[in-house]
Amino acid sequence: MKKIYLCIILSLFWSTIGFAEWNKIHSDQNSEHYIDMTKLKKEGTNIHFWHLVNYLIQNEDIFWKSSLTYTEVNCNNLSGKDHVFNFYSEFMGEGEFLGDHNPPNIWVTAEPNTIRYLTYKKVCK
């Protein structure tokens, strides 16, 4: 049963990546950050969205080239929590699926002048 559930989830991720319209919101020497503004899902004051990161520098701790995160943000106080975090072998969520991480179910307030803050402000416009 777990394998069936995993296959369904992975196929949904693939279709999300394949048909996303990624808008770059930030880049620096280490990473590029994108959000898919076409797939925002609003629920009251909360918005669910996909956040893609290209890691331009790999090392022993970061061996993947991109990650795709499904995030929920509360637009009233700019706090959010990640629901899914997936790793890929190539940029833009392409290549081999390397694994996933289930983030803790906690709300984190975005601090000013951070990428998280910039991302939440853009999504909540």
N, C-alpha and C. Protein backbone atom coordinates (compact mmCIF):
# COMPACT_ATOMS: atom_id res chain seq x y z
N MET A 1 0.82 -1.20 0.00
CA MET A 1 0.00 0.00 0.00
C MET A 1 0.87 1.26 0.00
N LYS A 2 1.98 1.22 0.77
CA LYS A 2 2.87 2.38 0.81
C LYS A 2 3.48 2.65 -0.56
N LYS A 3 3.79 1.59 -1.31
CA LYS A 3 4.37 1.77 -2.64
C LYS A 3 3.38 2.44 -3.59
N ILE A 4 2.12 2.07 -3.49
CA ILE A 4 1.09 2.69 -4.33
C ILE A 4 0.96 4.16 -3.98
N TYR A 5 0.92 4.45 -2.70
CA TYR A 5 0.82 5.84 -2.25
C TYR A 5 2.03 6.65 -2.72
N LEU A 6 3.23 6.08 -2.61
CA LEU A 6 4.45 6.75 -3.05
C LEU A 6 4.41 7.01 -4.56
N CYS A 7 3.96 6.04 -5.34
CA CYS A 7 3.86 6.22 -6.79
C CYS A 7 2.89 7.34 -7.15
N ILE A 8 1.78 7.41 -6.46
CA ILE A 8 0.81 8.49 -6.72
C ILE A 8 1.43 9.83 -6.39
N ILE A 9 2.08 9.94 -5.24
CA ILE A 9 2.71 11.20 -4.84
C ILE A 9 3.78 11.61 -5.84
N LEU A 10 4.64 10.67 -6.24
CA LEU A 10 5.71 10.99 -7.18
C LEU A 10 5.16 11.42 -8.53
N SER A 11 4.08 10.79 -8.97
CA SER A 11 3.50 11.20 -10.25
C SER A 11 2.90 12.59 -10.17
N LEU A 12 2.34 12.94 -9.02
CA LEU A 12 1.83 14.30 -8.84
C LEU A 12 2.97 15.30 -8.83
N PHE A 13 4.09 14.96 -8.21
CA PHE A 13 5.24 15.86 -8.22
C PHE A 13 5.77 16.05 -9.63
N TRP A 14 5.87 14.95 -10.38
CA TRP A 14 6.38 15.05 -11.73
C TRP A 14 5.48 15.94 -12.58
N SER A 15 4.17 15.76 -12.47
CA SER A 15 3.26 16.59 -13.27
C SER A 15 3.32 18.04 -12.83
N THR A 16 3.56 18.29 -11.56
CA THR A 16 3.69 19.66 -11.07
C THR A 16 4.94 20.30 -11.64
N ILE A 17 6.03 19.58 -11.65
CA ILE A 17 7.28 20.11 -12.17
C ILE A 17 7.17 20.33 -13.67
N GLY A 18 6.65 19.33 -14.37
CA GLY A 18 6.61 19.38 -15.82
C GLY A 18 5.74 20.50 -16.38
N PHE A 19 4.71 20.89 -15.68
CA PHE A 19 3.78 21.89 -16.20
C PHE A 19 3.79 23.18 -15.40
N ALA A 20 4.80 23.38 -14.60
CA ALA A 20 4.89 24.59 -13.78
C ALA A 20 5.41 25.75 -14.61
N GLU A 21 5.02 26.94 -14.19
CA GLU A 21 5.56 28.17 -14.78
C GLU A 21 6.35 28.86 -13.68
N TRP A 22 7.64 28.54 -13.62
CA TRP A 22 8.47 29.02 -12.53
C TRP A 22 8.86 30.47 -12.74
N ASN A 23 8.62 31.29 -11.71
CA ASN A 23 9.01 32.71 -11.71
C ASN A 23 10.16 32.88 -10.73
N LYS A 24 11.29 33.39 -11.23
CA LYS A 24 12.45 33.58 -10.36
C LYS A 24 12.17 34.75 -9.42
N ILE A 25 12.39 34.52 -8.12
CA ILE A 25 12.17 35.58 -7.14
C ILE A 25 13.46 36.04 -6.48
N HIS A 26 14.51 35.22 -6.58
CA HIS A 26 15.79 35.60 -5.97
C HIS A 26 16.89 34.73 -6.55
N SER A 27 18.06 35.32 -6.70
CA SER A 27 19.24 34.52 -7.04
C SER A 27 20.48 35.20 -6.46
N ASP A 28 21.45 34.39 -6.13
CA ASP A 28 22.75 34.88 -5.68
C ASP A 28 23.79 33.85 -6.12
N GLN A 29 24.98 33.93 -5.60
CA GLN A 29 26.05 33.03 -6.03
C GLN A 29 25.82 31.58 -5.61
N ASN A 30 24.96 31.36 -4.62
CA ASN A 30 24.75 30.01 -4.10
C ASN A 30 23.49 29.32 -4.62
N SER A 31 22.45 30.10 -4.92
CA SER A 31 21.17 29.47 -5.24
C SER A 31 20.28 30.39 -6.07
N GLU A 32 19.28 29.75 -6.69
CA GLU A 32 18.21 30.44 -7.41
C GLU A 32 16.89 29.96 -6.84
N HIS A 33 15.97 30.89 -6.59
CA HIS A 33 14.68 30.55 -5.98
C HIS A 33 13.55 30.92 -6.92
N TYR A 34 12.61 29.98 -7.08
CA TYR A 34 11.47 30.17 -7.96
C TYR A 34 10.18 29.78 -7.23
N ILE A 35 9.08 30.39 -7.65
CA ILE A 35 7.76 29.95 -7.20
C ILE A 35 6.87 29.81 -8.42
N ASP A 36 5.91 28.91 -8.32
CA ASP A 36 4.95 28.71 -9.40
C ASP A 36 3.69 29.49 -9.04
N MET A 37 3.56 30.68 -9.61
CA MET A 37 2.42 31.55 -9.30
C MET A 37 1.11 31.05 -9.91
N THR A 38 1.17 30.09 -10.83
CA THR A 38 -0.05 29.60 -11.47
C THR A 38 -0.76 28.53 -10.64
N LYS A 39 -0.09 27.98 -9.64
CA LYS A 39 -0.68 26.90 -8.86
C LYS A 39 -0.88 27.28 -7.38
N LEU A 40 -1.08 28.56 -7.12
CA LEU A 40 -1.36 28.98 -5.75
C LEU A 40 -2.73 28.46 -5.34
N LYS A 41 -2.83 27.95 -4.13
CA LYS A 41 -4.11 27.43 -3.63
C LYS A 41 -4.46 28.21 -2.36
N LYS A 42 -5.51 29.01 -2.43
CA LYS A 42 -5.89 29.86 -1.31
C LYS A 42 -6.94 29.16 -0.45
N GLU A 43 -6.75 29.21 0.87
CA GLU A 43 -7.69 28.67 1.85
C GLU A 43 -7.80 29.70 2.97
N GLY A 44 -8.77 30.58 2.90
CA GLY A 44 -8.90 31.65 3.88
C GLY A 44 -7.73 32.60 3.76
N THR A 45 -7.00 32.79 4.86
CA THR A 45 -5.82 33.67 4.83
C THR A 45 -4.54 32.91 4.50
N ASN A 46 -4.65 31.60 4.27
CA ASN A 46 -3.48 30.78 3.96
C ASN A 46 -3.39 30.51 2.46
N ILE A 47 -2.16 30.41 1.97
CA ILE A 47 -1.91 30.06 0.58
C ILE A 47 -0.89 28.93 0.54
N HIS A 48 -1.19 27.91 -0.26
CA HIS A 48 -0.28 26.79 -0.50
C HIS A 48 0.42 27.04 -1.83
N PHE A 49 1.71 26.74 -1.90
CA PHE A 49 2.45 26.99 -3.13
C PHE A 49 3.67 26.08 -3.23
N TRP A 50 4.22 26.00 -4.47
CA TRP A 50 5.44 25.24 -4.74
C TRP A 50 6.61 26.20 -4.83
N HIS A 51 7.72 25.82 -4.18
CA HIS A 51 8.95 26.61 -4.15
C HIS A 51 10.08 25.72 -4.66
N LEU A 52 10.74 26.18 -5.72
CA LEU A 52 11.83 25.43 -6.32
C LEU A 52 13.14 26.16 -6.06
N VAL A 53 14.16 25.42 -5.65
CA VAL A 53 15.48 26.00 -5.41
C VAL A 53 16.52 25.23 -6.23
N ASN A 54 17.31 25.97 -7.00
CA ASN A 54 18.49 25.40 -7.66
C ASN A 54 19.69 25.72 -6.78
N TYR A 55 20.44 24.69 -6.40
CA TYR A 55 21.63 24.86 -5.58
C TYR A 55 22.84 24.93 -6.51
N LEU A 56 23.43 26.09 -6.64
CA LEU A 56 24.50 26.31 -7.60
C LEU A 56 25.84 25.78 -7.11
N ILE A 57 25.94 25.56 -5.82
CA ILE A 57 27.17 25.02 -5.23
C ILE A 57 26.81 23.76 -4.44
N GLN A 58 27.42 22.63 -4.81
CA GLN A 58 27.20 21.40 -4.08
C GLN A 58 28.42 21.14 -3.19
N ASN A 59 28.18 20.44 -2.09
CA ASN A 59 29.26 20.05 -1.19
C ASN A 59 28.86 18.75 -0.50
N GLU A 60 29.54 18.41 0.57
CA GLU A 60 29.24 17.16 1.27
C GLU A 60 27.85 17.15 1.88
N ASP A 61 27.34 18.33 2.25
CA ASP A 61 26.02 18.42 2.86
C ASP A 61 24.91 18.58 1.84
N ILE A 62 25.20 19.19 0.70
CA ILE A 62 24.20 19.41 -0.34
C ILE A 62 24.72 18.75 -1.62
N PHE A 63 24.25 17.54 -1.87
CA PHE A 63 24.70 16.79 -3.05
C PHE A 63 23.66 16.81 -4.16
N TRP A 64 22.49 17.39 -3.92
CA TRP A 64 21.44 17.50 -4.93
C TRP A 64 21.56 18.86 -5.61
N LYS A 65 21.01 18.97 -6.82
CA LYS A 65 21.09 20.22 -7.56
C LYS A 65 19.84 21.07 -7.43
N SER A 66 18.72 20.44 -7.04
CA SER A 66 17.50 21.23 -6.85
C SER A 66 16.60 20.57 -5.81
N SER A 67 15.71 21.38 -5.28
CA SER A 67 14.70 20.86 -4.35
C SER A 67 13.36 21.49 -4.70
N LEU A 68 12.32 20.78 -4.38
CA LEU A 68 10.96 21.25 -4.60
C LEU A 68 10.21 21.10 -3.28
N THR A 69 9.66 22.22 -2.81
CA THR A 69 8.99 22.23 -1.52
C THR A 69 7.56 22.72 -1.68
N TYR A 70 6.62 22.01 -1.03
CA TYR A 70 5.23 22.45 -0.99
C TYR A 70 5.03 23.13 0.36
N THR A 71 4.70 24.41 0.32
CA THR A 71 4.67 25.25 1.52
C THR A 71 3.30 25.87 1.71
N GLU A 72 2.93 26.07 2.96
CA GLU A 72 1.71 26.79 3.34
C GLU A 72 2.12 28.04 4.09
N VAL A 73 1.59 29.20 3.68
CA VAL A 73 1.92 30.45 4.35
C VAL A 73 0.63 31.11 4.86
N ASN A 74 0.70 31.65 6.07
CA ASN A 74 -0.38 32.45 6.63
C ASN A 74 -0.07 33.90 6.27
N CYS A 75 -0.88 34.49 5.41
CA CYS A 75 -0.60 35.83 4.91
C CYS A 75 -0.87 36.93 5.94
N ASN A 76 -1.56 36.61 7.03
CA ASN A 76 -1.79 37.62 8.07
C ASN A 76 -0.52 37.93 8.86
N ASN A 77 0.28 36.90 9.14
CA ASN A 77 1.47 37.13 9.96
C ASN A 77 2.77 36.65 9.31
N LEU A 78 2.69 36.26 8.03
CA LEU A 78 3.85 35.77 7.28
C LEU A 78 4.59 34.64 7.99
N SER A 79 3.82 33.72 8.53
CA SER A 79 4.41 32.49 9.06
C SER A 79 4.07 31.37 8.09
N GLY A 80 4.88 30.35 8.08
CA GLY A 80 4.63 29.26 7.15
C GLY A 80 5.17 27.95 7.65
N LYS A 81 4.77 26.90 6.96
CA LYS A 81 5.31 25.58 7.25
C LYS A 81 5.41 24.81 5.95
N ASP A 82 6.46 24.03 5.84
CA ASP A 82 6.68 23.18 4.68
C ASP A 82 6.01 21.85 4.91
N HIS A 83 5.34 21.34 3.87
CA HIS A 83 4.67 20.05 3.98
C HIS A 83 5.48 18.93 3.34
N VAL A 84 6.17 19.22 2.25
CA VAL A 84 6.95 18.23 1.52
C VAL A 84 8.23 18.88 1.03
N PHE A 85 9.33 18.14 1.08
CA PHE A 85 10.62 18.64 0.61
C PHE A 85 11.28 17.52 -0.18
N ASN A 86 11.44 17.69 -1.51
CA ASN A 86 12.00 16.65 -2.38
C ASN A 86 13.32 17.12 -2.98
N PHE A 87 14.23 16.17 -3.22
CA PHE A 87 15.55 16.45 -3.77
C PHE A 87 15.68 15.84 -5.16
N TYR A 88 16.36 16.56 -6.09
CA TYR A 88 16.53 16.08 -7.47
C TYR A 88 17.99 16.21 -7.90
N SER A 89 18.39 15.34 -8.83
CA SER A 89 19.78 15.29 -9.26
C SER A 89 20.16 16.39 -10.24
N GLU A 90 19.18 17.04 -10.86
CA GLU A 90 19.46 18.09 -11.84
C GLU A 90 18.73 19.37 -11.45
N PHE A 91 19.09 20.46 -12.10
CA PHE A 91 18.44 21.75 -11.84
C PHE A 91 16.98 21.72 -12.28
N MET A 92 16.19 22.61 -11.73
CA MET A 92 14.78 22.81 -12.06
C MET A 92 13.91 21.58 -11.79
N GLY A 93 14.27 20.80 -10.78
CA GLY A 93 13.48 19.64 -10.41
C GLY A 93 13.52 18.52 -11.44
N GLU A 94 14.56 18.51 -12.25
CA GLU A 94 14.71 17.50 -13.30
C GLU A 94 15.65 16.41 -12.82
N GLY A 95 15.78 15.37 -13.64
CA GLY A 95 16.70 14.28 -13.33
C GLY A 95 16.09 13.29 -12.36
N GLU A 96 16.96 12.60 -11.69
CA GLU A 96 16.55 11.53 -10.78
C GLU A 96 16.01 12.10 -9.46
N PHE A 97 14.93 11.51 -8.99
CA PHE A 97 14.40 11.83 -7.66
C PHE A 97 15.33 11.17 -6.65
N LEU A 98 15.99 11.99 -5.81
CA LEU A 98 16.99 11.46 -4.88
C LEU A 98 16.44 11.15 -3.50
N GLY A 99 15.28 11.67 -3.19
CA GLY A 99 14.71 11.40 -1.88
C GLY A 99 13.85 12.56 -1.42
N ASP A 100 13.32 12.39 -0.23
CA ASP A 100 12.46 13.42 0.33
C ASP A 100 12.71 13.56 1.82
N HIS A 101 12.11 14.58 2.36
CA HIS A 101 12.22 14.87 3.78
C HIS A 101 10.86 15.38 4.24
N ASN A 102 10.37 14.85 5.32
CA ASN A 102 9.12 15.33 5.89
C ASN A 102 9.46 16.35 6.97
N PRO A 103 9.29 17.63 6.65
CA PRO A 103 9.64 18.67 7.62
C PRO A 103 8.75 18.58 8.86
N PRO A 104 9.21 19.12 9.98
CA PRO A 104 8.38 19.13 11.19
C PRO A 104 7.13 19.97 10.97
N ASN A 105 6.06 19.60 11.61
CA ASN A 105 4.78 20.29 11.46
C ASN A 105 4.74 21.50 12.39
N ILE A 106 5.60 22.48 12.09
CA ILE A 106 5.65 23.70 12.91
C ILE A 106 5.58 24.93 12.01
N TRP A 107 5.00 25.98 12.55
CA TRP A 107 4.91 27.25 11.83
C TRP A 107 6.15 28.08 12.17
N VAL A 108 6.75 28.66 11.13
CA VAL A 108 7.95 29.48 11.28
C VAL A 108 7.63 30.88 10.76
N THR A 109 7.88 31.90 11.57
CA THR A 109 7.66 33.28 11.14
C THR A 109 8.83 33.73 10.30
N ALA A 110 8.52 34.34 9.16
CA ALA A 110 9.57 34.82 8.26
C ALA A 110 10.19 36.09 8.82
N GLU A 111 11.50 36.07 8.98
CA GLU A 111 12.23 37.24 9.46
C GLU A 111 12.47 38.19 8.29
N PRO A 112 12.36 39.51 8.51
CA PRO A 112 12.63 40.48 7.43
C PRO A 112 14.03 40.27 6.84
N ASN A 113 14.13 40.60 5.56
CA ASN A 113 15.40 40.52 4.82
C ASN A 113 15.93 39.10 4.67
N THR A 114 15.02 38.12 4.61
CA THR A 114 15.40 36.74 4.35
C THR A 114 14.70 36.28 3.07
N ILE A 115 15.18 35.20 2.49
CA ILE A 115 14.53 34.65 1.30
C ILE A 115 13.12 34.19 1.65
N ARG A 116 12.94 33.61 2.82
CA ARG A 116 11.61 33.16 3.25
C ARG A 116 10.65 34.36 3.27
N TYR A 117 11.09 35.47 3.82
CA TYR A 117 10.26 36.68 3.90
C TYR A 117 9.91 37.17 2.50
N LEU A 118 10.90 37.26 1.63
CA LEU A 118 10.69 37.69 0.25
C LEU A 118 9.69 36.78 -0.46
N THR A 119 9.85 35.48 -0.26
CA THR A 119 8.96 34.50 -0.89
C THR A 119 7.54 34.66 -0.40
N TYR A 120 7.35 34.74 0.92
CA TYR A 120 6.01 34.87 1.48
C TYR A 120 5.34 36.16 1.03
N LYS A 121 6.10 37.26 0.99
CA LYS A 121 5.53 38.55 0.54
C LYS A 121 5.06 38.44 -0.91
N LYS A 122 5.84 37.78 -1.75
CA LYS A 122 5.48 37.63 -3.16
C LYS A 122 4.22 36.78 -3.31
N VAL A 123 4.14 35.69 -2.58
CA VAL A 123 2.99 34.80 -2.67
C VAL A 123 1.72 35.48 -2.15
N CYS A 124 1.86 36.29 -1.12
CA CYS A 124 0.70 36.89 -0.47
C CYS A 124 0.23 38.20 -1.13
N LYS A 125 0.89 38.64 -2.18
CA LYS A 125 0.46 39.88 -2.85
C LYS A 125 -0.96 39.79 -3.33
